[in-house]
Amino acid sequence: MRKQYLHLSVYPCDKCDGPAVVGSLAVRENEISKETDIRAIGEVCLSCGHRQHRTSKSSFMQHFPPVEWQSIKTPKRDDLEYGVEVDLVSSK
């Protein structure tokens, strides 16, 4: 049975040293097969909103275990909306 998995990793941001999150999606045809169709879905710093590519400077990267991701429609790179939402709590 074909399943899609979400992979998340975190590393320090180049600009502010805050947590930068990178995500990817991969597909497994069955439980013993290798993952295929691996696609990066984005990277962003959660503190400052800086978008960066994986840093080669940092030796620290925390990888979280992949989780099964059941979505109706898999987003294509062109469909992704980039931007950081304004923090409404701090504006009060």
N, C-alpha and C. Protein backbone atom coordinates (compact mmCIF):
# COMPACT_ATOMS: atom_id res chain seq x y z
N MET A 1 0.83 -1.18 0.00
CA MET A 1 0.00 0.00 0.00
C MET A 1 0.89 1.25 0.00
N ARG A 2 0.63 2.14 -0.90
CA ARG A 2 1.41 3.36 -1.08
C ARG A 2 1.10 4.36 0.04
N LYS A 3 2.15 4.85 0.72
CA LYS A 3 1.97 5.82 1.81
C LYS A 3 2.95 6.97 1.64
N GLN A 4 2.51 8.14 2.07
CA GLN A 4 3.32 9.35 2.00
C GLN A 4 3.79 9.70 3.42
N TYR A 5 5.05 10.12 3.56
CA TYR A 5 5.62 10.44 4.86
C TYR A 5 6.16 11.87 4.88
N LEU A 6 5.93 12.55 6.00
CA LEU A 6 6.43 13.90 6.22
C LEU A 6 7.69 13.80 7.07
N HIS A 7 8.77 14.46 6.60
CA HIS A 7 10.03 14.52 7.33
C HIS A 7 10.27 15.97 7.77
N LEU A 8 10.62 16.19 9.04
CA LEU A 8 10.92 17.51 9.56
C LEU A 8 12.28 17.50 10.25
N SER A 9 13.05 18.56 10.02
CA SER A 9 14.34 18.75 10.68
C SER A 9 14.44 20.21 11.10
N VAL A 10 15.24 20.45 12.13
CA VAL A 10 15.43 21.80 12.65
C VAL A 10 16.92 22.07 12.82
N TYR A 11 17.34 23.29 12.48
CA TYR A 11 18.73 23.70 12.66
C TYR A 11 18.77 25.20 12.93
N PRO A 12 19.87 25.75 13.42
CA PRO A 12 19.94 27.17 13.74
C PRO A 12 19.89 28.05 12.49
N CYS A 13 19.13 29.14 12.58
CA CYS A 13 19.02 30.11 11.49
C CYS A 13 20.34 30.84 11.29
N ASP A 14 20.66 31.13 10.02
CA ASP A 14 21.88 31.88 9.69
C ASP A 14 21.84 33.31 10.23
N LYS A 15 20.65 33.90 10.29
CA LYS A 15 20.53 35.30 10.69
C LYS A 15 20.41 35.49 12.20
N CYS A 16 19.52 34.73 12.87
CA CYS A 16 19.21 35.02 14.28
C CYS A 16 19.49 33.86 15.23
N ASP A 17 19.94 32.73 14.72
CA ASP A 17 20.18 31.53 15.53
C ASP A 17 18.91 30.91 16.09
N GLY A 18 17.75 31.36 15.62
CA GLY A 18 16.47 30.76 16.03
C GLY A 18 16.27 29.43 15.32
N PRO A 19 15.18 28.73 15.61
CA PRO A 19 14.95 27.42 15.00
C PRO A 19 14.45 27.54 13.55
N ALA A 20 15.25 27.05 12.62
CA ALA A 20 14.85 27.01 11.20
C ALA A 20 14.36 25.60 10.90
N VAL A 21 13.17 25.49 10.34
CA VAL A 21 12.53 24.20 10.08
C VAL A 21 12.58 23.91 8.58
N VAL A 22 12.92 22.69 8.24
CA VAL A 22 12.91 22.23 6.85
C VAL A 22 12.02 21.00 6.77
N GLY A 23 11.19 20.94 5.74
CA GLY A 23 10.28 19.81 5.58
C GLY A 23 10.40 19.18 4.22
N SER A 24 10.09 17.88 4.14
CA SER A 24 10.05 17.19 2.86
C SER A 24 9.00 16.09 2.93
N LEU A 25 8.53 15.69 1.76
CA LEU A 25 7.58 14.58 1.64
C LEU A 25 8.22 13.47 0.82
N ALA A 26 7.96 12.23 1.20
CA ALA A 26 8.48 11.09 0.46
C ALA A 26 7.40 10.00 0.42
N VAL A 27 7.50 9.12 -0.56
CA VAL A 27 6.51 8.06 -0.77
C VAL A 27 7.17 6.70 -0.63
N ARG A 28 6.47 5.79 0.03
CA ARG A 28 6.88 4.37 0.10
C ARG A 28 5.78 3.54 -0.54
N GLU A 29 6.16 2.65 -1.42
CA GLU A 29 5.19 1.78 -2.09
C GLU A 29 4.68 0.69 -1.14
N ASN A 30 5.54 0.23 -0.22
CA ASN A 30 5.13 -0.73 0.81
C ASN A 30 6.06 -0.53 2.01
N GLU A 31 5.85 -1.31 3.07
CA GLU A 31 6.58 -1.07 4.32
C GLU A 31 8.06 -1.38 4.24
N ILE A 32 8.49 -2.21 3.32
CA ILE A 32 9.91 -2.57 3.25
C ILE A 32 10.65 -1.87 2.10
N SER A 33 9.97 -1.06 1.32
CA SER A 33 10.62 -0.40 0.19
C SER A 33 11.31 0.89 0.63
N LYS A 34 12.24 1.34 -0.20
CA LYS A 34 12.90 2.62 0.03
C LYS A 34 11.93 3.74 -0.32
N GLU A 35 12.18 4.90 0.26
CA GLU A 35 11.35 6.05 -0.07
C GLU A 35 11.72 6.58 -1.46
N THR A 36 10.70 6.96 -2.22
CA THR A 36 10.89 7.51 -3.54
C THR A 36 10.12 8.82 -3.64
N ASP A 37 10.25 9.51 -4.73
CA ASP A 37 9.52 10.75 -4.97
C ASP A 37 9.70 11.72 -3.81
N ILE A 38 10.97 11.92 -3.40
CA ILE A 38 11.29 12.81 -2.28
C ILE A 38 11.27 14.25 -2.78
N ARG A 39 10.45 15.09 -2.10
CA ARG A 39 10.31 16.48 -2.51
C ARG A 39 10.46 17.42 -1.31
N ALA A 40 11.32 18.41 -1.45
CA ALA A 40 11.45 19.45 -0.43
C ALA A 40 10.20 20.32 -0.49
N ILE A 41 9.65 20.68 0.69
CA ILE A 41 8.43 21.49 0.70
C ILE A 41 8.64 22.86 1.33
N GLY A 42 9.85 23.15 1.80
CA GLY A 42 10.11 24.49 2.29
C GLY A 42 11.00 24.54 3.51
N GLU A 43 11.57 25.74 3.72
CA GLU A 43 12.43 26.01 4.87
C GLU A 43 12.15 27.42 5.35
N VAL A 44 12.05 27.59 6.67
CA VAL A 44 11.81 28.92 7.22
C VAL A 44 12.25 28.94 8.68
N CYS A 45 12.75 30.09 9.12
CA CYS A 45 13.09 30.29 10.53
C CYS A 45 11.80 30.66 11.26
N LEU A 46 11.50 29.98 12.35
CA LEU A 46 10.29 30.26 13.11
C LEU A 46 10.40 31.55 13.92
N SER A 47 11.62 32.03 14.16
CA SER A 47 11.80 33.26 14.95
C SER A 47 11.73 34.52 14.11
N CYS A 48 12.49 34.55 13.00
CA CYS A 48 12.58 35.79 12.22
C CYS A 48 11.94 35.70 10.84
N GLY A 49 11.57 34.50 10.39
CA GLY A 49 10.93 34.35 9.09
C GLY A 49 11.88 34.25 7.91
N HIS A 50 13.18 34.27 8.17
CA HIS A 50 14.18 34.18 7.09
C HIS A 50 14.06 32.85 6.38
N ARG A 51 14.03 32.90 5.05
CA ARG A 51 14.00 31.68 4.23
C ARG A 51 15.42 31.42 3.75
N GLN A 52 15.91 30.24 4.01
CA GLN A 52 17.28 29.92 3.66
C GLN A 52 17.37 28.50 3.15
N HIS A 53 18.51 28.19 2.57
CA HIS A 53 18.78 26.81 2.16
C HIS A 53 19.54 26.17 3.29
N ARG A 54 19.53 24.86 3.33
CA ARG A 54 20.22 24.18 4.43
C ARG A 54 21.62 24.73 4.59
N THR A 55 21.94 25.03 5.81
CA THR A 55 23.23 25.62 6.10
C THR A 55 24.31 24.55 6.20
N SER A 56 25.45 24.83 5.61
CA SER A 56 26.56 23.89 5.72
C SER A 56 27.44 24.27 6.91
N LYS A 57 27.23 25.48 7.46
CA LYS A 57 28.03 25.95 8.59
C LYS A 57 27.68 25.21 9.88
N SER A 58 26.43 24.89 10.05
CA SER A 58 25.97 24.31 11.31
C SER A 58 26.23 22.81 11.37
N SER A 59 26.82 22.40 12.47
CA SER A 59 27.01 20.96 12.68
C SER A 59 25.82 20.37 13.41
N PHE A 60 24.94 21.23 13.95
CA PHE A 60 23.78 20.76 14.70
C PHE A 60 22.55 20.75 13.82
N MET A 61 21.94 19.59 13.69
CA MET A 61 20.65 19.48 13.02
C MET A 61 19.86 18.39 13.73
N GLN A 62 18.67 18.72 14.17
CA GLN A 62 17.80 17.76 14.87
C GLN A 62 16.80 17.20 13.88
N HIS A 63 16.80 15.89 13.69
CA HIS A 63 15.86 15.22 12.79
C HIS A 63 14.75 14.59 13.62
N PHE A 64 13.52 14.81 13.23
CA PHE A 64 12.38 14.20 13.90
C PHE A 64 11.95 12.97 13.11
N PRO A 65 11.40 11.96 13.78
CA PRO A 65 10.98 10.75 13.06
C PRO A 65 9.91 11.07 12.02
N PRO A 66 9.98 10.45 10.85
CA PRO A 66 8.95 10.68 9.84
C PRO A 66 7.58 10.22 10.32
N VAL A 67 6.55 10.93 9.87
CA VAL A 67 5.18 10.55 10.21
C VAL A 67 4.38 10.35 8.92
N GLU A 68 3.44 9.42 8.98
CA GLU A 68 2.59 9.20 7.81
C GLU A 68 1.75 10.44 7.58
N TRP A 69 1.68 10.89 6.34
CA TRP A 69 0.94 12.10 5.99
C TRP A 69 -0.08 11.76 4.92
N GLN A 70 -1.34 11.78 5.31
CA GLN A 70 -2.41 11.47 4.36
C GLN A 70 -3.04 12.79 3.92
N SER A 71 -2.75 13.17 2.72
CA SER A 71 -3.37 14.40 2.20
C SER A 71 -4.17 14.06 0.96
N ILE A 72 -5.17 14.86 0.72
CA ILE A 72 -6.01 14.65 -0.46
C ILE A 72 -5.25 15.10 -1.70
N LYS A 73 -4.57 16.23 -1.60
CA LYS A 73 -3.82 16.76 -2.72
C LYS A 73 -2.41 17.06 -2.25
N THR A 74 -1.40 16.52 -2.93
CA THR A 74 -0.02 16.81 -2.62
C THR A 74 0.35 18.13 -3.29
N PRO A 75 0.83 19.12 -2.51
CA PRO A 75 1.14 20.41 -3.12
C PRO A 75 2.35 20.33 -4.04
N LYS A 76 2.27 21.07 -5.13
CA LYS A 76 3.41 21.21 -6.02
C LYS A 76 4.18 22.43 -5.58
N ARG A 77 5.43 22.50 -5.91
CA ARG A 77 6.28 23.62 -5.48
C ARG A 77 5.69 24.96 -5.90
N ASP A 78 5.11 25.06 -7.08
CA ASP A 78 4.55 26.32 -7.56
C ASP A 78 3.28 26.72 -6.80
N ASP A 79 2.61 25.75 -6.17
CA ASP A 79 1.36 26.02 -5.44
C ASP A 79 1.59 26.53 -4.03
N LEU A 80 2.83 26.38 -3.51
CA LEU A 80 3.09 26.75 -2.13
C LEU A 80 3.06 28.27 -1.96
N GLU A 81 2.45 28.71 -0.87
CA GLU A 81 2.38 30.14 -0.58
C GLU A 81 3.51 30.48 0.38
N TYR A 82 4.37 31.41 -0.03
CA TYR A 82 5.49 31.79 0.80
C TYR A 82 5.15 33.06 1.56
N GLY A 83 5.66 33.17 2.76
CA GLY A 83 5.44 34.35 3.58
C GLY A 83 5.21 33.95 5.02
N VAL A 84 5.41 34.90 5.89
CA VAL A 84 5.23 34.67 7.31
C VAL A 84 4.05 35.49 7.77
N GLU A 85 3.16 34.87 8.54
CA GLU A 85 2.00 35.58 9.06
C GLU A 85 2.44 36.57 10.12
N VAL A 86 1.77 37.69 10.18
CA VAL A 86 2.04 38.70 11.18
C VAL A 86 1.60 38.17 12.54
N ASP A 87 2.43 38.40 13.55
CA ASP A 87 2.10 37.96 14.91
C ASP A 87 1.05 38.91 15.48
N LEU A 88 -0.20 38.45 15.52
CA LEU A 88 -1.30 39.31 15.95
C LEU A 88 -1.29 39.53 17.46
N VAL A 89 -0.71 38.63 18.22
CA VAL A 89 -0.68 38.76 19.68
C VAL A 89 0.22 39.91 20.10
N SER A 90 1.39 40.03 19.48
CA SER A 90 2.34 41.07 19.89
C SER A 90 1.94 42.47 19.42
N SER A 91 0.99 42.55 18.48
CA SER A 91 0.59 43.87 17.97
C SER A 91 -0.46 44.55 18.84
N LYS A 92 -0.92 43.89 19.90
CA LYS A 92 -1.94 44.48 20.77
C LYS A 92 -1.32 45.38 21.80
